[in-house]
N, C-alpha and C. Protein backbone atom coordinates (compact mmCIF):
# COMPACT_ATOMS: atom_id res chain seq x y z
N MET A 1 86.14 -20.41 -13.53
CA MET A 1 85.11 -19.61 -12.90
C MET A 1 85.10 -19.83 -11.39
N GLU A 2 85.83 -20.84 -10.91
CA GLU A 2 85.82 -21.18 -9.50
C GLU A 2 86.12 -19.99 -8.60
N ASN A 3 87.19 -19.23 -8.87
CA ASN A 3 87.55 -18.11 -8.02
C ASN A 3 87.71 -16.83 -8.83
N GLN A 4 86.94 -16.69 -9.85
CA GLN A 4 87.04 -15.54 -10.73
C GLN A 4 86.59 -14.27 -10.01
N ASN A 5 87.38 -13.22 -10.15
CA ASN A 5 87.01 -11.94 -9.56
C ASN A 5 86.00 -11.24 -10.45
N ILE A 6 85.06 -10.55 -9.84
CA ILE A 6 83.99 -9.89 -10.59
C ILE A 6 84.12 -8.37 -10.44
N LEU A 7 85.28 -7.88 -10.11
CA LEU A 7 85.48 -6.47 -9.86
C LEU A 7 85.82 -5.75 -11.15
N ASN A 8 85.13 -4.66 -11.41
CA ASN A 8 85.35 -3.86 -12.60
C ASN A 8 85.29 -2.40 -12.16
N SER A 9 86.24 -1.59 -12.62
CA SER A 9 86.30 -0.21 -12.15
C SER A 9 85.04 0.58 -12.48
N ASP A 10 84.28 0.19 -13.51
CA ASP A 10 83.04 0.88 -13.85
C ASP A 10 81.91 0.56 -12.87
N THR A 11 82.05 -0.51 -12.11
CA THR A 11 80.96 -0.91 -11.23
C THR A 11 81.27 -0.68 -9.75
N VAL A 12 82.42 -0.11 -9.44
CA VAL A 12 82.80 0.06 -8.05
C VAL A 12 81.95 1.10 -7.35
N SER A 13 81.61 2.17 -8.03
CA SER A 13 80.76 3.17 -7.36
C SER A 13 79.57 3.51 -8.23
N HIS A 14 78.48 3.80 -7.57
CA HIS A 14 77.25 4.19 -8.24
C HIS A 14 76.64 5.28 -7.38
N HIS A 15 76.63 6.48 -7.90
CA HIS A 15 76.16 7.64 -7.14
C HIS A 15 76.95 7.81 -5.85
N ASP A 16 78.26 7.66 -5.96
CA ASP A 16 79.20 7.82 -4.85
C ASP A 16 78.96 6.82 -3.70
N LYS A 17 78.24 5.75 -3.96
CA LYS A 17 78.07 4.69 -2.96
C LYS A 17 78.81 3.46 -3.47
N PRO A 18 79.58 2.84 -2.62
CA PRO A 18 80.30 1.64 -3.08
C PRO A 18 79.33 0.50 -3.38
N THR A 19 79.70 -0.29 -4.37
CA THR A 19 78.94 -1.48 -4.72
C THR A 19 79.60 -2.66 -4.05
N LYS A 20 78.81 -3.50 -3.44
CA LYS A 20 79.34 -4.70 -2.80
C LYS A 20 79.67 -5.73 -3.87
N VAL A 21 80.88 -6.21 -3.85
CA VAL A 21 81.33 -7.24 -4.78
C VAL A 21 81.71 -8.47 -3.95
N VAL A 22 81.14 -9.60 -4.32
CA VAL A 22 81.40 -10.84 -3.59
C VAL A 22 82.00 -11.86 -4.53
N ASN A 23 83.04 -12.50 -4.08
CA ASN A 23 83.69 -13.55 -4.86
C ASN A 23 83.58 -14.84 -4.06
N LEU A 24 82.82 -15.81 -4.57
CA LEU A 24 82.63 -17.06 -3.85
C LEU A 24 82.56 -18.22 -4.83
N PRO A 25 82.87 -19.43 -4.36
CA PRO A 25 82.77 -20.59 -5.24
C PRO A 25 81.33 -20.77 -5.74
N TYR A 26 81.20 -21.24 -6.96
CA TYR A 26 79.89 -21.39 -7.58
C TYR A 26 78.99 -22.32 -6.77
N ARG A 27 79.54 -23.37 -6.19
CA ARG A 27 78.74 -24.32 -5.39
C ARG A 27 78.10 -23.62 -4.19
N VAL A 28 78.78 -22.62 -3.63
CA VAL A 28 78.21 -21.86 -2.52
C VAL A 28 77.03 -21.01 -3.02
N TYR A 29 77.18 -20.42 -4.19
CA TYR A 29 76.09 -19.66 -4.81
C TYR A 29 74.87 -20.55 -5.01
N GLU A 30 75.08 -21.77 -5.49
CA GLU A 30 73.97 -22.71 -5.68
C GLU A 30 73.32 -23.06 -4.34
N SER A 31 74.12 -23.15 -3.29
CA SER A 31 73.57 -23.42 -1.96
C SER A 31 72.67 -22.27 -1.51
N PHE A 32 73.11 -21.03 -1.72
CA PHE A 32 72.28 -19.88 -1.36
C PHE A 32 70.92 -19.96 -2.02
N LYS A 33 70.88 -20.44 -3.27
CA LYS A 33 69.63 -20.54 -4.02
C LYS A 33 68.79 -21.76 -3.63
N GLY A 34 69.36 -22.65 -2.80
CA GLY A 34 68.63 -23.86 -2.41
C GLY A 34 68.74 -24.98 -3.42
N LYS A 35 69.76 -24.94 -4.27
CA LYS A 35 69.93 -25.95 -5.32
C LYS A 35 71.06 -26.92 -5.04
N TYR A 36 71.74 -26.77 -3.88
CA TYR A 36 72.83 -27.67 -3.52
C TYR A 36 72.32 -28.65 -2.47
N PHE A 37 72.62 -29.93 -2.69
CA PHE A 37 72.14 -30.99 -1.81
C PHE A 37 73.29 -31.87 -1.35
N MET A 38 73.08 -32.47 -0.19
CA MET A 38 74.06 -33.39 0.39
C MET A 38 73.32 -34.59 0.94
N GLY A 39 74.00 -35.73 0.94
CA GLY A 39 73.37 -36.92 1.51
C GLY A 39 74.33 -38.09 1.56
N HIS A 40 73.88 -39.16 2.19
CA HIS A 40 74.69 -40.38 2.28
C HIS A 40 73.78 -41.59 2.32
N THR A 41 74.37 -42.73 2.04
CA THR A 41 73.65 -43.99 2.14
C THR A 41 73.64 -44.43 3.60
N PRO A 42 72.75 -45.35 3.97
CA PRO A 42 72.91 -46.01 5.26
C PRO A 42 74.21 -46.83 5.20
N PHE A 43 74.64 -47.38 6.34
CA PHE A 43 75.80 -48.27 6.27
C PHE A 43 75.49 -49.42 5.33
N LEU A 44 76.44 -49.71 4.46
CA LEU A 44 76.35 -50.82 3.52
C LEU A 44 77.30 -51.90 3.99
N ILE A 45 76.91 -53.15 3.81
CA ILE A 45 77.71 -54.27 4.28
C ILE A 45 78.34 -54.98 3.08
N LEU A 46 79.66 -55.14 3.17
CA LEU A 46 80.40 -55.96 2.21
C LEU A 46 80.79 -57.24 2.95
N GLU A 47 80.38 -58.38 2.43
CA GLU A 47 80.70 -59.65 3.09
C GLU A 47 80.54 -60.80 2.11
N ARG A 48 81.21 -61.91 2.39
CA ARG A 48 81.10 -63.14 1.59
C ARG A 48 81.13 -62.88 0.10
N ASN A 49 82.04 -62.02 -0.34
CA ASN A 49 82.21 -61.70 -1.76
C ASN A 49 80.98 -61.04 -2.39
N LEU A 50 80.15 -60.41 -1.57
CA LEU A 50 79.01 -59.66 -2.08
C LEU A 50 79.33 -58.17 -2.02
N ASN A 51 79.06 -57.47 -3.10
CA ASN A 51 79.42 -56.07 -3.26
C ASN A 51 78.25 -55.15 -2.91
N ALA A 52 78.49 -53.86 -3.00
CA ALA A 52 77.45 -52.85 -2.75
C ALA A 52 77.75 -51.64 -3.62
N TRP A 53 76.82 -50.72 -3.67
CA TRP A 53 77.05 -49.45 -4.36
C TRP A 53 76.16 -48.36 -3.77
N GLY A 54 76.57 -47.13 -3.97
CA GLY A 54 75.78 -45.96 -3.64
C GLY A 54 76.02 -44.93 -4.72
N GLY A 55 75.00 -44.15 -5.05
CA GLY A 55 75.21 -43.17 -6.11
C GLY A 55 73.99 -42.31 -6.36
N LEU A 56 74.12 -41.47 -7.36
CA LEU A 56 73.07 -40.53 -7.73
C LEU A 56 72.47 -40.94 -9.07
N ILE A 57 71.14 -41.01 -9.08
CA ILE A 57 70.39 -41.35 -10.29
C ILE A 57 69.60 -40.11 -10.70
N ASN A 58 69.77 -39.69 -11.94
CA ASN A 58 69.00 -38.56 -12.47
C ASN A 58 67.85 -39.15 -13.30
N PRO A 59 66.62 -39.17 -12.75
CA PRO A 59 65.49 -39.78 -13.47
C PRO A 59 65.23 -39.11 -14.83
N GLU A 60 64.70 -39.90 -15.75
CA GLU A 60 64.39 -39.40 -17.11
C GLU A 60 63.52 -38.15 -17.07
N ASP A 61 62.61 -38.06 -16.10
CA ASP A 61 61.66 -36.95 -16.05
C ASP A 61 62.05 -35.88 -15.01
N SER A 62 63.31 -35.82 -14.60
CA SER A 62 63.73 -34.89 -13.55
C SER A 62 63.65 -33.42 -13.97
N GLY A 63 63.90 -33.15 -15.25
CA GLY A 63 63.90 -31.77 -15.73
C GLY A 63 65.14 -30.98 -15.33
N VAL A 64 66.19 -31.69 -14.81
CA VAL A 64 67.40 -31.00 -14.37
C VAL A 64 68.66 -31.70 -14.87
N LYS A 65 69.74 -30.90 -14.95
CA LYS A 65 71.09 -31.44 -15.12
C LYS A 65 71.66 -31.61 -13.71
N LEU A 66 72.41 -32.68 -13.50
CA LEU A 66 73.03 -33.00 -12.22
C LEU A 66 74.52 -32.64 -12.30
N TYR A 67 74.98 -31.81 -11.37
CA TYR A 67 76.39 -31.40 -11.31
C TYR A 67 77.00 -32.03 -10.07
N ILE A 68 78.00 -32.88 -10.25
CA ILE A 68 78.64 -33.58 -9.14
C ILE A 68 79.71 -32.67 -8.53
N ASN A 69 79.60 -32.44 -7.23
CA ASN A 69 80.62 -31.67 -6.53
C ASN A 69 81.62 -32.58 -5.83
N THR A 70 81.12 -33.51 -5.00
CA THR A 70 82.03 -34.33 -4.22
C THR A 70 81.41 -35.68 -3.89
N PHE A 71 82.28 -36.65 -3.57
CA PHE A 71 81.81 -37.92 -3.03
C PHE A 71 82.83 -38.40 -2.01
N THR A 72 82.37 -39.21 -1.07
CA THR A 72 83.27 -39.87 -0.12
C THR A 72 82.85 -41.32 0.04
N VAL A 73 83.82 -42.15 0.36
CA VAL A 73 83.58 -43.54 0.74
C VAL A 73 84.28 -43.73 2.08
N SER A 74 83.53 -44.11 3.11
CA SER A 74 84.10 -44.32 4.44
C SER A 74 84.22 -45.81 4.72
N ASN A 75 85.38 -46.23 5.15
CA ASN A 75 85.66 -47.62 5.49
C ASN A 75 85.87 -47.71 6.99
N THR A 76 84.97 -48.35 7.70
CA THR A 76 85.07 -48.44 9.16
C THR A 76 85.78 -49.71 9.62
N SER A 77 86.32 -50.47 8.68
CA SER A 77 86.93 -51.75 9.02
C SER A 77 88.46 -51.67 9.02
N SER A 78 89.09 -52.79 9.38
CA SER A 78 90.55 -52.87 9.37
C SER A 78 91.07 -53.51 8.08
N THR A 79 90.19 -53.64 7.08
CA THR A 79 90.55 -54.23 5.79
C THR A 79 90.25 -53.25 4.67
N ALA A 80 91.21 -53.05 3.79
CA ALA A 80 91.01 -52.17 2.62
C ALA A 80 90.12 -52.87 1.60
N PHE A 81 89.43 -52.06 0.79
CA PHE A 81 88.67 -52.60 -0.33
C PHE A 81 88.72 -51.61 -1.49
N ARG A 82 88.31 -52.07 -2.66
CA ARG A 82 88.35 -51.25 -3.88
C ARG A 82 87.00 -50.61 -4.14
N SER A 83 87.03 -49.34 -4.53
CA SER A 83 85.81 -48.64 -4.96
C SER A 83 86.04 -48.17 -6.40
N GLU A 84 84.98 -48.18 -7.18
CA GLU A 84 85.05 -47.77 -8.59
C GLU A 84 83.98 -46.72 -8.86
N LEU A 85 84.34 -45.68 -9.55
CA LEU A 85 83.38 -44.65 -9.95
C LEU A 85 82.93 -44.94 -11.38
N TRP A 86 81.60 -45.07 -11.56
CA TRP A 86 81.02 -45.38 -12.87
C TRP A 86 80.06 -44.28 -13.29
N LEU A 87 80.15 -43.91 -14.55
CA LEU A 87 79.28 -42.89 -15.14
C LEU A 87 78.26 -43.58 -16.03
N ASN A 88 76.99 -43.29 -15.79
CA ASN A 88 75.87 -43.80 -16.60
C ASN A 88 75.82 -45.33 -16.65
N SER A 89 76.17 -45.95 -15.53
CA SER A 89 76.06 -47.39 -15.39
C SER A 89 74.63 -47.74 -15.00
N GLU A 90 74.16 -48.85 -15.47
CA GLU A 90 72.84 -49.34 -15.09
C GLU A 90 72.92 -49.87 -13.66
N PRO A 91 72.14 -49.33 -12.72
CA PRO A 91 72.19 -49.84 -11.35
C PRO A 91 71.83 -51.32 -11.30
N ILE A 92 72.59 -52.09 -10.52
CA ILE A 92 72.33 -53.52 -10.41
C ILE A 92 71.98 -53.86 -8.97
N GLY A 93 71.26 -54.97 -8.81
CA GLY A 93 70.84 -55.40 -7.48
C GLY A 93 69.52 -54.75 -7.09
N ARG A 94 69.11 -55.00 -5.87
CA ARG A 94 67.85 -54.46 -5.35
C ARG A 94 68.09 -53.03 -4.88
N THR A 95 67.62 -52.06 -5.66
CA THR A 95 67.90 -50.65 -5.42
C THR A 95 66.94 -50.06 -4.39
N SER A 96 67.51 -49.28 -3.47
CA SER A 96 66.74 -48.55 -2.46
C SER A 96 67.11 -47.08 -2.54
N ILE A 97 66.25 -46.21 -2.00
CA ILE A 97 66.48 -44.77 -1.97
C ILE A 97 66.86 -44.37 -0.55
N SER A 98 67.94 -43.61 -0.43
CA SER A 98 68.40 -43.18 0.90
C SER A 98 67.48 -42.08 1.44
N PRO A 99 67.13 -42.17 2.73
CA PRO A 99 66.35 -41.11 3.36
C PRO A 99 67.23 -39.96 3.85
N TYR A 100 68.56 -40.11 3.71
CA TYR A 100 69.49 -39.15 4.28
C TYR A 100 69.95 -38.12 3.25
N VAL A 101 69.03 -37.28 2.81
CA VAL A 101 69.32 -36.22 1.83
C VAL A 101 68.74 -34.91 2.36
N SER A 102 69.51 -33.83 2.21
CA SER A 102 69.05 -32.53 2.67
C SER A 102 69.60 -31.44 1.78
N PRO A 103 68.85 -30.34 1.61
CA PRO A 103 69.47 -29.18 0.98
C PRO A 103 70.54 -28.66 1.94
N ALA A 104 71.61 -28.10 1.40
CA ALA A 104 72.67 -27.54 2.25
C ALA A 104 72.17 -26.26 2.94
N ASN A 105 71.30 -25.52 2.29
CA ASN A 105 70.74 -24.29 2.85
C ASN A 105 69.40 -24.64 3.50
N THR A 106 69.40 -24.69 4.83
CA THR A 106 68.16 -25.05 5.53
C THR A 106 67.41 -23.83 6.06
N THR A 107 67.76 -22.65 5.54
CA THR A 107 67.05 -21.43 5.95
C THR A 107 65.86 -21.14 5.06
N ILE A 108 65.72 -21.87 3.98
CA ILE A 108 64.62 -21.65 3.03
C ILE A 108 63.39 -22.42 3.50
N TYR A 109 62.22 -21.76 3.44
CA TYR A 109 60.98 -22.44 3.82
C TYR A 109 59.97 -22.32 2.69
N PRO A 110 59.34 -23.39 2.28
CA PRO A 110 59.62 -24.76 2.69
C PRO A 110 60.97 -25.22 2.13
N LEU A 111 61.55 -26.24 2.75
CA LEU A 111 62.84 -26.74 2.31
C LEU A 111 62.77 -27.23 0.87
N PRO A 112 63.77 -26.88 0.06
CA PRO A 112 63.81 -27.42 -1.31
C PRO A 112 63.97 -28.94 -1.28
N THR A 113 63.47 -29.60 -2.30
CA THR A 113 63.65 -31.04 -2.42
C THR A 113 64.43 -31.33 -3.70
N SER A 114 65.20 -32.38 -3.64
CA SER A 114 66.04 -32.77 -4.77
C SER A 114 65.22 -33.53 -5.81
N ASN A 115 65.55 -33.30 -7.07
CA ASN A 115 64.98 -34.09 -8.17
C ASN A 115 65.80 -35.35 -8.42
N ILE A 116 66.96 -35.41 -7.81
CA ILE A 116 67.90 -36.52 -7.99
C ILE A 116 67.67 -37.55 -6.88
N LEU A 117 67.87 -38.82 -7.20
CA LEU A 117 67.70 -39.89 -6.22
C LEU A 117 69.06 -40.38 -5.74
N LEU A 118 69.29 -40.30 -4.43
CA LEU A 118 70.49 -40.90 -3.85
C LEU A 118 70.11 -42.35 -3.55
N SER A 119 70.65 -43.26 -4.32
CA SER A 119 70.24 -44.67 -4.29
C SER A 119 71.39 -45.55 -3.82
N PHE A 120 71.04 -46.79 -3.48
CA PHE A 120 72.06 -47.75 -3.05
C PHE A 120 71.53 -49.17 -3.19
N ALA A 121 72.45 -50.12 -3.17
CA ALA A 121 72.10 -51.54 -3.13
C ALA A 121 73.25 -52.27 -2.44
N GLN A 122 72.92 -53.37 -1.80
CA GLN A 122 73.96 -54.22 -1.20
C GLN A 122 73.65 -55.67 -1.51
N HIS A 123 74.55 -56.57 -1.14
CA HIS A 123 74.44 -57.99 -1.45
C HIS A 123 74.39 -58.20 -2.97
N VAL A 124 75.20 -57.41 -3.69
CA VAL A 124 75.25 -57.46 -5.15
C VAL A 124 76.34 -58.46 -5.56
N LYS A 125 75.97 -59.41 -6.41
CA LYS A 125 76.90 -60.46 -6.81
C LYS A 125 77.80 -60.05 -7.97
N HIS A 126 77.31 -59.18 -8.84
CA HIS A 126 78.03 -58.89 -10.08
C HIS A 126 78.65 -57.50 -10.06
N SER A 127 79.57 -57.29 -10.98
CA SER A 127 80.16 -55.98 -11.21
C SER A 127 79.39 -55.29 -12.33
N PRO A 128 79.56 -53.98 -12.48
CA PRO A 128 78.86 -53.26 -13.56
C PRO A 128 79.22 -53.84 -14.93
N SER A 129 78.24 -53.81 -15.82
CA SER A 129 78.48 -54.29 -17.18
C SER A 129 78.12 -53.23 -18.22
N SER A 130 77.69 -52.05 -17.75
CA SER A 130 77.35 -50.97 -18.69
C SER A 130 77.90 -49.66 -18.13
N GLY A 131 77.91 -48.65 -18.97
CA GLY A 131 78.40 -47.35 -18.54
C GLY A 131 79.89 -47.21 -18.76
N ILE A 132 80.47 -46.19 -18.14
CA ILE A 132 81.89 -45.88 -18.33
C ILE A 132 82.57 -45.91 -16.96
N SER A 133 83.60 -46.73 -16.85
CA SER A 133 84.40 -46.76 -15.62
C SER A 133 85.35 -45.58 -15.65
N LEU A 134 85.18 -44.66 -14.69
CA LEU A 134 86.03 -43.47 -14.67
C LEU A 134 87.35 -43.74 -13.97
N PHE A 135 87.34 -44.41 -12.82
CA PHE A 135 88.57 -44.74 -12.12
C PHE A 135 88.28 -45.61 -10.90
N ASN A 136 89.35 -46.17 -10.34
CA ASN A 136 89.30 -46.97 -9.12
C ASN A 136 89.99 -46.21 -8.00
N ARG A 137 89.54 -46.44 -6.77
CA ARG A 137 90.19 -45.90 -5.58
C ARG A 137 90.20 -47.00 -4.52
N ILE A 138 91.26 -47.04 -3.75
CA ILE A 138 91.34 -47.98 -2.64
C ILE A 138 90.86 -47.27 -1.38
N ALA A 139 89.87 -47.85 -0.72
CA ALA A 139 89.40 -47.34 0.57
C ALA A 139 90.22 -48.05 1.64
N GLU A 140 91.26 -47.39 2.09
CA GLU A 140 92.15 -47.97 3.10
C GLU A 140 91.39 -48.24 4.39
N ALA A 141 91.96 -49.08 5.23
CA ALA A 141 91.35 -49.43 6.51
C ALA A 141 91.14 -48.18 7.36
N ASN A 142 89.98 -48.11 8.00
CA ASN A 142 89.65 -47.01 8.92
C ASN A 142 89.95 -45.64 8.34
N SER A 143 89.45 -45.40 7.14
CA SER A 143 89.73 -44.13 6.46
C SER A 143 88.56 -43.74 5.57
N THR A 144 88.68 -42.56 4.98
CA THR A 144 87.68 -42.05 4.05
C THR A 144 88.36 -41.57 2.78
N VAL A 145 87.85 -42.04 1.65
CA VAL A 145 88.31 -41.59 0.34
C VAL A 145 87.45 -40.39 -0.04
N VAL A 146 88.08 -39.32 -0.52
CA VAL A 146 87.35 -38.11 -0.92
C VAL A 146 87.68 -37.78 -2.36
N GLY A 147 86.64 -37.48 -3.14
CA GLY A 147 86.82 -37.02 -4.51
C GLY A 147 86.07 -35.72 -4.70
N ASN A 148 86.77 -34.66 -5.09
CA ASN A 148 86.15 -33.35 -5.34
C ASN A 148 86.19 -33.04 -6.83
N TYR A 149 85.03 -32.71 -7.40
CA TYR A 149 84.93 -32.46 -8.84
C TYR A 149 84.37 -31.08 -9.17
N TYR A 150 83.81 -30.38 -8.19
CA TYR A 150 83.39 -28.99 -8.33
C TYR A 150 82.49 -28.73 -9.54
N GLY A 151 81.64 -29.70 -9.87
CA GLY A 151 80.69 -29.52 -10.96
C GLY A 151 81.21 -29.90 -12.32
N LYS A 152 82.40 -30.48 -12.41
CA LYS A 152 82.96 -30.86 -13.71
C LYS A 152 82.26 -32.07 -14.32
N ILE A 153 81.65 -32.90 -13.49
CA ILE A 153 80.89 -34.05 -14.01
C ILE A 153 79.43 -33.62 -14.06
N ILE A 154 78.87 -33.62 -15.27
CA ILE A 154 77.49 -33.16 -15.50
C ILE A 154 76.70 -34.31 -16.10
N ILE A 155 75.56 -34.62 -15.49
CA ILE A 155 74.78 -35.79 -15.88
C ILE A 155 73.37 -35.37 -16.28
N PRO A 156 72.94 -35.73 -17.49
CA PRO A 156 71.58 -35.37 -17.93
C PRO A 156 70.54 -36.32 -17.36
N PRO A 157 69.26 -36.00 -17.56
CA PRO A 157 68.21 -36.95 -17.17
C PRO A 157 68.48 -38.32 -17.80
N GLY A 158 68.23 -39.36 -17.02
CA GLY A 158 68.46 -40.73 -17.48
C GLY A 158 69.86 -41.24 -17.17
N GLY A 159 70.74 -40.38 -16.62
CA GLY A 159 72.11 -40.78 -16.32
C GLY A 159 72.32 -41.05 -14.84
N SER A 160 73.54 -41.43 -14.51
CA SER A 160 73.86 -41.76 -13.12
C SER A 160 75.35 -41.61 -12.86
N LEU A 161 75.67 -41.47 -11.59
CA LEU A 161 77.04 -41.57 -11.09
C LEU A 161 76.98 -42.54 -9.92
N ILE A 162 77.65 -43.68 -10.06
CA ILE A 162 77.55 -44.75 -9.08
C ILE A 162 78.95 -45.12 -8.59
N VAL A 163 79.07 -45.27 -7.27
CA VAL A 163 80.31 -45.72 -6.65
C VAL A 163 80.10 -47.18 -6.25
N TYR A 164 80.76 -48.10 -6.99
CA TYR A 164 80.67 -49.53 -6.68
C TYR A 164 81.74 -49.90 -5.66
N LEU A 165 81.36 -50.67 -4.67
CA LEU A 165 82.24 -51.06 -3.57
C LEU A 165 82.44 -52.57 -3.63
N HIS A 166 83.69 -53.00 -3.82
CA HIS A 166 83.98 -54.42 -4.01
C HIS A 166 84.42 -55.09 -2.72
N SER A 167 83.74 -56.17 -2.39
CA SER A 167 84.07 -56.95 -1.20
C SER A 167 85.46 -57.56 -1.36
N PRO A 168 86.30 -57.46 -0.33
CA PRO A 168 87.63 -58.09 -0.41
C PRO A 168 87.62 -59.58 -0.06
N GLY A 169 86.46 -60.15 0.20
CA GLY A 169 86.40 -61.57 0.53
C GLY A 169 85.38 -61.86 1.61
N ASN A 170 85.77 -62.63 2.61
CA ASN A 170 84.84 -63.07 3.65
C ASN A 170 84.73 -62.11 4.82
N GLN A 171 85.50 -61.02 4.83
CA GLN A 171 85.41 -60.06 5.92
C GLN A 171 84.05 -59.36 5.92
N HIS A 172 83.64 -58.91 7.09
CA HIS A 172 82.39 -58.16 7.26
C HIS A 172 82.78 -56.69 7.38
N ILE A 173 82.44 -55.87 6.37
CA ILE A 173 82.87 -54.47 6.33
C ILE A 173 81.65 -53.56 6.29
N LYS A 174 81.63 -52.56 7.18
CA LYS A 174 80.59 -51.52 7.15
C LYS A 174 81.19 -50.30 6.45
N THR A 175 80.45 -49.77 5.48
CA THR A 175 80.92 -48.63 4.70
C THR A 175 79.71 -47.79 4.30
N ASP A 176 79.96 -46.56 3.91
CA ASP A 176 78.88 -45.76 3.32
C ASP A 176 79.46 -44.84 2.26
N VAL A 177 78.56 -44.30 1.45
CA VAL A 177 78.92 -43.37 0.37
C VAL A 177 78.17 -42.07 0.64
N ALA A 178 78.88 -40.96 0.60
CA ALA A 178 78.26 -39.64 0.76
C ALA A 178 78.52 -38.82 -0.49
N LEU A 179 77.58 -37.95 -0.85
CA LEU A 179 77.70 -37.15 -2.07
C LEU A 179 77.19 -35.73 -1.84
N GLY A 180 77.75 -34.80 -2.62
CA GLY A 180 77.28 -33.43 -2.67
C GLY A 180 77.08 -33.04 -4.12
N TRP A 181 75.97 -32.38 -4.44
CA TRP A 181 75.66 -32.05 -5.83
C TRP A 181 74.74 -30.84 -5.89
N TRP A 182 74.64 -30.25 -7.10
CA TRP A 182 73.61 -29.25 -7.33
C TRP A 182 72.89 -29.58 -8.62
N GLU A 183 71.75 -28.93 -8.78
CA GLU A 183 70.85 -29.21 -9.91
C GLU A 183 70.50 -27.90 -10.61
N LYS A 184 70.44 -27.96 -11.95
CA LYS A 184 70.01 -26.79 -12.72
C LYS A 184 68.95 -27.23 -13.72
N PRO A 185 67.89 -26.43 -13.89
CA PRO A 185 66.86 -26.79 -14.86
C PRO A 185 67.45 -26.90 -16.27
N LEU A 186 66.85 -27.79 -17.07
CA LEU A 186 67.30 -27.97 -18.47
C LEU A 186 67.09 -26.70 -19.27
């Protein structure tokens, strides 16, 4: 459905007036409706073998399904580290909510608000012990890892998508996690 054409010879003209047909990615359509959101964590610190994470939490009472479009992990240091994507993992450590979330469409008044929580924690001693590990990615030095899923990962209320960031040792590393998603009512 990503680039599906919607043109049909029966709908091209109506009373000799052409019908406008638009073909756009579904995530753009969700943005027009005010249902697409973007955000990032503050800088997270990896140091002294202490880990961090950033991710999206779909609260039990959200009333929406969460569709993951994209995530990034930015590494501002000269040392690579490992990042892991976890589905429905129990968040560990002291969890905070990021203030850096916005609807992608800022022409709507009042601005839509997300039902999803962009959360994070740092100074985490342990690795995840619940949920499903989807894959690992190496965040190379001075680079950004990008993952595009275009809504293929769908999370119900009570679920999460968390990117765990593993400290490579005693180095002091500044990193952040950014995400793009849309929401649909149950």
